[in-house]
Amino acid sequence: MSVTDSPAARLQALFEGHRLTPTQRRIAHSMVRRAADVPFLSSVELAELAGVSQPSVTRFAVALGFDGYPALRRHLREVAPAEPSADAAVANEYQQAVEAEIANLRHLADALADPAPVARAGRVLAASRPLPVLGLRAAAAQAYGFAYFAAKVHPDVRLLDEGGTMIHDRIDAAVHAGATALLCFALPRHPREVVDTLAYAREAGLTVVTVADSAFAPVAKVSDLLLPAAVGTGLAFDTACAPMLLGRVLLEAMADELPDAQARLEEFDAKAAARGLFVD
């Protein structure tokens, strides 16, 4: 199945061009995350899935140009005929969480059938010297992981994984040092500080590249290039396998744009061997 044929892609296309409220973006996000099941959900079930009221689902359907939710559901069944996912075959909640992450990775693979957005992001990030990498709260680990590996091929990576009053100062310092772009990892629940920081970064002249859990995440309006990868929500705490993998793919795209990346890696390996840094 190509990216344009996937249920998630068809839903994304349906939502494009509509000005959605934050509540409506939440519904849209939930629909994309459960794209295969949505044509079979009632308005009450979709409201429960998204954590909104049933009237909100009705207003959402009307905002998309339908008479109501039944008309939206009929449309979805016509354009994406499919059977609901076989959750019954999964034995317990832990397996369900794993299966959900596998589905998220499949959606990511579909999206990467068009590599142009990631390649563009790789060029933008490779050209920024220094390169600030932002991730707060739940996304801090994603930002740290990217920055750790990126520093092996990029000459100046600056990790921004703690908020507070100094974060704008650090962005100013990066801009004064020559930065042209900022990479952000944004995961739910989305801190208001991240949205404010990205707005500040854009005002400072930086191109904002964001890896987020959805194209409808709150950070979308303050990002120049947003790359979505869904999170799993089946456990008490979200799982982020797809955003982590997308970060590694983006790292690969950036390294492809750095002519001395391979030489830097070989130099690091030689020094690591001389220091006995790793155990075989």
Foldseek 3Di string as FASTA:
>chain_A
DALCLDLLNVLVVLCPPFDDDLLLLLLSLLCSLQRQCVLPDDLCRSCVSSVHDSVVQQVSCVSSPDNGVVRVSVVSCVSPPDDHDPPVVQDDLVSVLVVSVVVLQVSLVNVCSPVVLLLVLLQLQLPFVVEEEEEEDPGLVLSVVLQVVLVLQHVHYHYHYDDDDCLLVVLVVSVVRGGAAYEYEAEPPGDPRVLVSLQSNVVSRHAYEYEYQDCSHPNVVSHPRYDHGHWGDSDPDIHDPRSSVSSVVSSVSNSVNRPCRVVSNVVVVVVCVVVVVDDD
